[in-house]
Amino acid sequence: MKRSFLLNEKDNIAVVLFDAVPGDVLTFDDLSVEVTENVPFGHKVALTDFQEGDLVYKYGQIIGRCTKDTPKGGWMHVHNIGSRRGGHNE
């Protein structure tokens, strides 16, 4: 069973299907990412280092902007992603 998934090759986040903890490694083809903080089941992990203002892609589409710097392997959720539906348009 897959423990995480990447929905589209354009995505810069992935979704975990377990409660990830620091040190867990997620692998997608030629990319490996070490989780740097607790990430709850069904939540997103950064596949790259994010700077405030960077676009966040899921489903191959922009879902929002990063609202604070987040390292590769970090938890991506409402505390650091401004949703496009919430007015954080590109």
N, C-alpha and C. Protein backbone atom coordinates (compact mmCIF):
# COMPACT_ATOMS: atom_id res chain seq x y z
N MET A 1 0.84 -1.18 0.00
CA MET A 1 0.00 0.00 0.00
C MET A 1 0.89 1.25 0.00
N LYS A 2 0.52 2.22 -0.81
CA LYS A 2 1.26 3.47 -0.85
C LYS A 2 1.06 4.25 0.45
N ARG A 3 2.14 4.87 0.92
CA ARG A 3 2.07 5.66 2.15
C ARG A 3 1.93 7.15 1.86
N SER A 4 2.12 7.53 0.61
CA SER A 4 1.99 8.93 0.21
C SER A 4 1.76 8.96 -1.29
N PHE A 5 1.25 10.08 -1.77
CA PHE A 5 1.07 10.18 -3.21
C PHE A 5 1.27 11.60 -3.71
N LEU A 6 1.71 11.64 -4.95
CA LEU A 6 1.92 12.86 -5.70
C LEU A 6 0.88 12.83 -6.80
N LEU A 7 0.02 13.83 -6.85
CA LEU A 7 -1.12 13.79 -7.76
C LEU A 7 -0.79 14.18 -9.19
N ASN A 8 0.22 15.05 -9.38
CA ASN A 8 0.56 15.55 -10.70
C ASN A 8 2.05 15.90 -10.71
N GLU A 9 2.71 15.71 -11.83
CA GLU A 9 4.15 16.00 -11.91
C GLU A 9 4.48 17.47 -11.65
N LYS A 10 3.52 18.38 -11.80
CA LYS A 10 3.74 19.80 -11.52
C LYS A 10 3.69 20.12 -10.03
N ASP A 11 3.12 19.21 -9.24
CA ASP A 11 2.89 19.48 -7.82
C ASP A 11 4.20 19.67 -7.06
N ASN A 12 4.18 20.60 -6.10
CA ASN A 12 5.34 20.80 -5.23
C ASN A 12 5.01 20.43 -3.78
N ILE A 13 3.89 19.72 -3.61
CA ILE A 13 3.50 19.13 -2.33
C ILE A 13 3.01 17.71 -2.61
N ALA A 14 3.04 16.87 -1.59
CA ALA A 14 2.51 15.51 -1.69
C ALA A 14 1.62 15.28 -0.48
N VAL A 15 0.77 14.27 -0.56
CA VAL A 15 -0.17 13.95 0.52
C VAL A 15 0.28 12.66 1.19
N VAL A 16 0.29 12.65 2.54
CA VAL A 16 0.65 11.43 3.26
C VAL A 16 -0.60 10.67 3.68
N LEU A 17 -0.49 9.35 3.64
CA LEU A 17 -1.60 8.46 4.01
C LEU A 17 -1.31 7.75 5.33
N PHE A 18 -0.57 8.44 6.18
CA PHE A 18 -0.25 7.94 7.51
C PHE A 18 0.16 9.15 8.34
N ASP A 19 0.28 8.97 9.63
CA ASP A 19 0.76 10.04 10.48
C ASP A 19 2.29 10.05 10.39
N ALA A 20 2.83 10.95 9.57
CA ALA A 20 4.27 11.02 9.34
C ALA A 20 4.97 11.73 10.50
N VAL A 21 6.18 11.29 10.77
CA VAL A 21 6.99 11.90 11.84
C VAL A 21 8.36 12.24 11.26
N PRO A 22 9.08 13.14 11.93
CA PRO A 22 10.41 13.50 11.44
C PRO A 22 11.28 12.26 11.22
N GLY A 23 11.94 12.25 10.07
CA GLY A 23 12.80 11.11 9.72
C GLY A 23 12.16 10.16 8.74
N ASP A 24 10.81 10.15 8.63
CA ASP A 24 10.17 9.32 7.62
C ASP A 24 10.61 9.82 6.24
N VAL A 25 10.81 8.89 5.31
CA VAL A 25 11.24 9.26 3.96
C VAL A 25 10.13 8.91 2.97
N LEU A 26 9.77 9.90 2.15
CA LEU A 26 8.79 9.73 1.09
C LEU A 26 9.54 9.66 -0.23
N THR A 27 9.20 8.69 -1.07
CA THR A 27 9.90 8.52 -2.34
C THR A 27 8.91 8.53 -3.50
N PHE A 28 9.24 9.33 -4.50
CA PHE A 28 8.42 9.46 -5.71
C PHE A 28 9.38 9.42 -6.90
N ASP A 29 9.37 8.32 -7.64
CA ASP A 29 10.28 8.15 -8.79
C ASP A 29 11.70 8.57 -8.41
N ASP A 30 12.18 9.70 -8.92
CA ASP A 30 13.56 10.11 -8.67
C ASP A 30 13.69 11.15 -7.55
N LEU A 31 12.65 11.33 -6.75
CA LEU A 31 12.65 12.31 -5.67
C LEU A 31 12.42 11.63 -4.32
N SER A 32 13.28 11.92 -3.37
CA SER A 32 13.09 11.46 -1.99
C SER A 32 13.05 12.68 -1.08
N VAL A 33 12.13 12.68 -0.13
CA VAL A 33 11.97 13.79 0.80
C VAL A 33 11.89 13.23 2.21
N GLU A 34 12.73 13.77 3.10
CA GLU A 34 12.67 13.39 4.51
C GLU A 34 11.74 14.35 5.24
N VAL A 35 10.76 13.80 5.92
CA VAL A 35 9.80 14.59 6.69
C VAL A 35 10.53 15.25 7.85
N THR A 36 10.27 16.56 8.06
CA THR A 36 10.99 17.32 9.09
C THR A 36 10.16 17.64 10.32
N GLU A 37 8.85 17.38 10.26
CA GLU A 37 7.97 17.64 11.40
C GLU A 37 6.77 16.71 11.32
N ASN A 38 6.00 16.60 12.37
CA ASN A 38 4.81 15.75 12.35
C ASN A 38 3.84 16.25 11.28
N VAL A 39 3.35 15.31 10.48
CA VAL A 39 2.37 15.63 9.43
C VAL A 39 1.23 14.64 9.58
N PRO A 40 0.03 15.10 9.95
CA PRO A 40 -1.10 14.19 10.15
C PRO A 40 -1.56 13.50 8.85
N PHE A 41 -2.15 12.35 9.03
CA PHE A 41 -2.75 11.59 7.92
C PHE A 41 -3.59 12.52 7.05
N GLY A 42 -3.40 12.43 5.72
CA GLY A 42 -4.21 13.20 4.78
C GLY A 42 -3.72 14.62 4.54
N HIS A 43 -2.65 15.02 5.21
CA HIS A 43 -2.13 16.38 5.05
C HIS A 43 -0.97 16.40 4.06
N LYS A 44 -0.46 17.59 3.77
CA LYS A 44 0.51 17.79 2.72
C LYS A 44 1.92 18.00 3.27
N VAL A 45 2.90 17.56 2.47
CA VAL A 45 4.32 17.72 2.78
C VAL A 45 4.97 18.51 1.65
N ALA A 46 5.84 19.45 2.01
CA ALA A 46 6.57 20.24 1.02
C ALA A 46 7.61 19.36 0.31
N LEU A 47 7.62 19.41 -1.01
CA LEU A 47 8.59 18.65 -1.79
C LEU A 47 9.79 19.51 -2.18
N THR A 48 9.75 20.77 -1.81
CA THR A 48 10.81 21.72 -2.09
C THR A 48 10.84 22.73 -0.95
N ASP A 49 11.90 23.50 -0.86
CA ASP A 49 11.92 24.60 0.10
C ASP A 49 10.99 25.69 -0.40
N PHE A 50 10.09 26.15 0.44
CA PHE A 50 9.16 27.22 0.09
C PHE A 50 9.58 28.52 0.76
N GLN A 51 9.47 29.59 0.03
CA GLN A 51 9.64 30.94 0.57
C GLN A 51 8.26 31.59 0.61
N GLU A 52 8.07 32.51 1.53
CA GLU A 52 6.81 33.24 1.59
C GLU A 52 6.49 33.81 0.22
N GLY A 53 5.28 33.58 -0.24
CA GLY A 53 4.84 34.08 -1.55
C GLY A 53 4.91 33.07 -2.67
N ASP A 54 5.64 31.96 -2.48
CA ASP A 54 5.73 30.93 -3.52
C ASP A 54 4.36 30.32 -3.80
N LEU A 55 4.13 29.98 -5.05
CA LEU A 55 2.89 29.31 -5.43
C LEU A 55 2.93 27.85 -4.98
N VAL A 56 1.79 27.34 -4.54
CA VAL A 56 1.66 25.95 -4.10
C VAL A 56 0.79 25.22 -5.12
N TYR A 57 1.33 24.12 -5.66
CA TYR A 57 0.63 23.34 -6.68
C TYR A 57 0.17 22.00 -6.13
N LYS A 58 -1.10 21.68 -6.39
CA LYS A 58 -1.68 20.37 -6.09
C LYS A 58 -2.64 20.08 -7.23
N TYR A 59 -2.75 18.85 -7.65
CA TYR A 59 -3.58 18.46 -8.81
C TYR A 59 -3.05 19.10 -10.09
N GLY A 60 -1.79 19.58 -10.10
CA GLY A 60 -1.26 20.27 -11.26
C GLY A 60 -1.76 21.70 -11.38
N GLN A 61 -2.46 22.17 -10.35
CA GLN A 61 -3.06 23.51 -10.36
C GLN A 61 -2.58 24.29 -9.14
N ILE A 62 -2.61 25.60 -9.26
CA ILE A 62 -2.26 26.45 -8.12
C ILE A 62 -3.41 26.38 -7.11
N ILE A 63 -3.09 26.02 -5.87
CA ILE A 63 -4.12 25.99 -4.82
C ILE A 63 -3.97 27.15 -3.86
N GLY A 64 -2.84 27.86 -3.94
CA GLY A 64 -2.63 29.00 -3.05
C GLY A 64 -1.20 29.46 -3.07
N ARG A 65 -0.87 30.28 -2.07
CA ARG A 65 0.49 30.80 -1.90
C ARG A 65 0.99 30.43 -0.51
N CYS A 66 2.29 30.19 -0.42
CA CYS A 66 2.91 29.94 0.87
C CYS A 66 2.94 31.25 1.65
N THR A 67 2.51 31.21 2.91
CA THR A 67 2.44 32.43 3.71
C THR A 67 3.61 32.58 4.69
N LYS A 68 4.46 31.53 4.79
CA LYS A 68 5.68 31.64 5.60
C LYS A 68 6.68 30.61 5.10
N ASP A 69 7.95 30.93 5.22
CA ASP A 69 9.00 30.02 4.76
C ASP A 69 8.81 28.65 5.39
N THR A 70 8.92 27.61 4.56
CA THR A 70 8.75 26.22 5.01
C THR A 70 9.78 25.36 4.30
N PRO A 71 10.56 24.59 5.05
CA PRO A 71 11.59 23.76 4.41
C PRO A 71 11.01 22.54 3.72
N LYS A 72 11.77 22.00 2.79
CA LYS A 72 11.45 20.73 2.16
C LYS A 72 11.22 19.70 3.26
N GLY A 73 10.13 18.95 3.17
CA GLY A 73 9.79 17.96 4.19
C GLY A 73 8.88 18.49 5.27
N GLY A 74 8.57 19.80 5.22
CA GLY A 74 7.72 20.42 6.22
C GLY A 74 6.24 20.19 5.96
N TRP A 75 5.45 20.40 6.99
CA TRP A 75 4.00 20.26 6.94
C TRP A 75 3.42 21.47 6.22
N MET A 76 2.59 21.24 5.22
CA MET A 76 1.93 22.30 4.46
C MET A 76 0.43 22.20 4.74
N HIS A 77 -0.12 23.28 5.32
CA HIS A 77 -1.54 23.28 5.68
C HIS A 77 -1.98 24.74 5.82
N VAL A 78 -3.11 24.98 6.45
CA VAL A 78 -3.68 26.32 6.54
C VAL A 78 -2.79 27.31 7.31
N HIS A 79 -1.87 26.81 8.12
CA HIS A 79 -0.98 27.70 8.87
C HIS A 79 0.12 28.31 7.99
N ASN A 80 0.34 27.73 6.79
CA ASN A 80 1.36 28.28 5.90
C ASN A 80 0.99 28.27 4.43
N ILE A 81 -0.29 28.04 4.13
CA ILE A 81 -0.79 28.17 2.76
C ILE A 81 -2.02 29.07 2.79
N GLY A 82 -1.98 30.13 2.01
CA GLY A 82 -3.15 30.97 1.82
C GLY A 82 -3.92 30.45 0.62
N SER A 83 -5.11 29.95 0.84
CA SER A 83 -5.91 29.35 -0.22
C SER A 83 -6.33 30.37 -1.25
N ARG A 84 -6.39 29.95 -2.49
CA ARG A 84 -6.91 30.82 -3.56
C ARG A 84 -8.34 31.20 -3.25
N ARG A 85 -9.07 30.29 -2.61
CA ARG A 85 -10.46 30.61 -2.24
C ARG A 85 -10.53 31.63 -1.13
N GLY A 86 -9.43 31.77 -0.38
CA GLY A 86 -9.38 32.72 0.72
C GLY A 86 -8.85 34.09 0.32
N GLY A 87 -8.66 34.30 -1.00
CA GLY A 87 -8.24 35.61 -1.48
C GLY A 87 -6.76 35.75 -1.72
N HIS A 88 -5.98 34.68 -1.62
CA HIS A 88 -4.54 34.75 -1.88
C HIS A 88 -4.26 34.35 -3.33
N ASN A 89 -4.80 35.06 -4.26
CA ASN A 89 -4.63 34.76 -5.68
C ASN A 89 -3.23 35.08 -6.15
N GLU A 90 -2.85 34.45 -7.28
CA GLU A 90 -1.56 34.77 -7.86
C GLU A 90 -1.68 36.09 -8.53
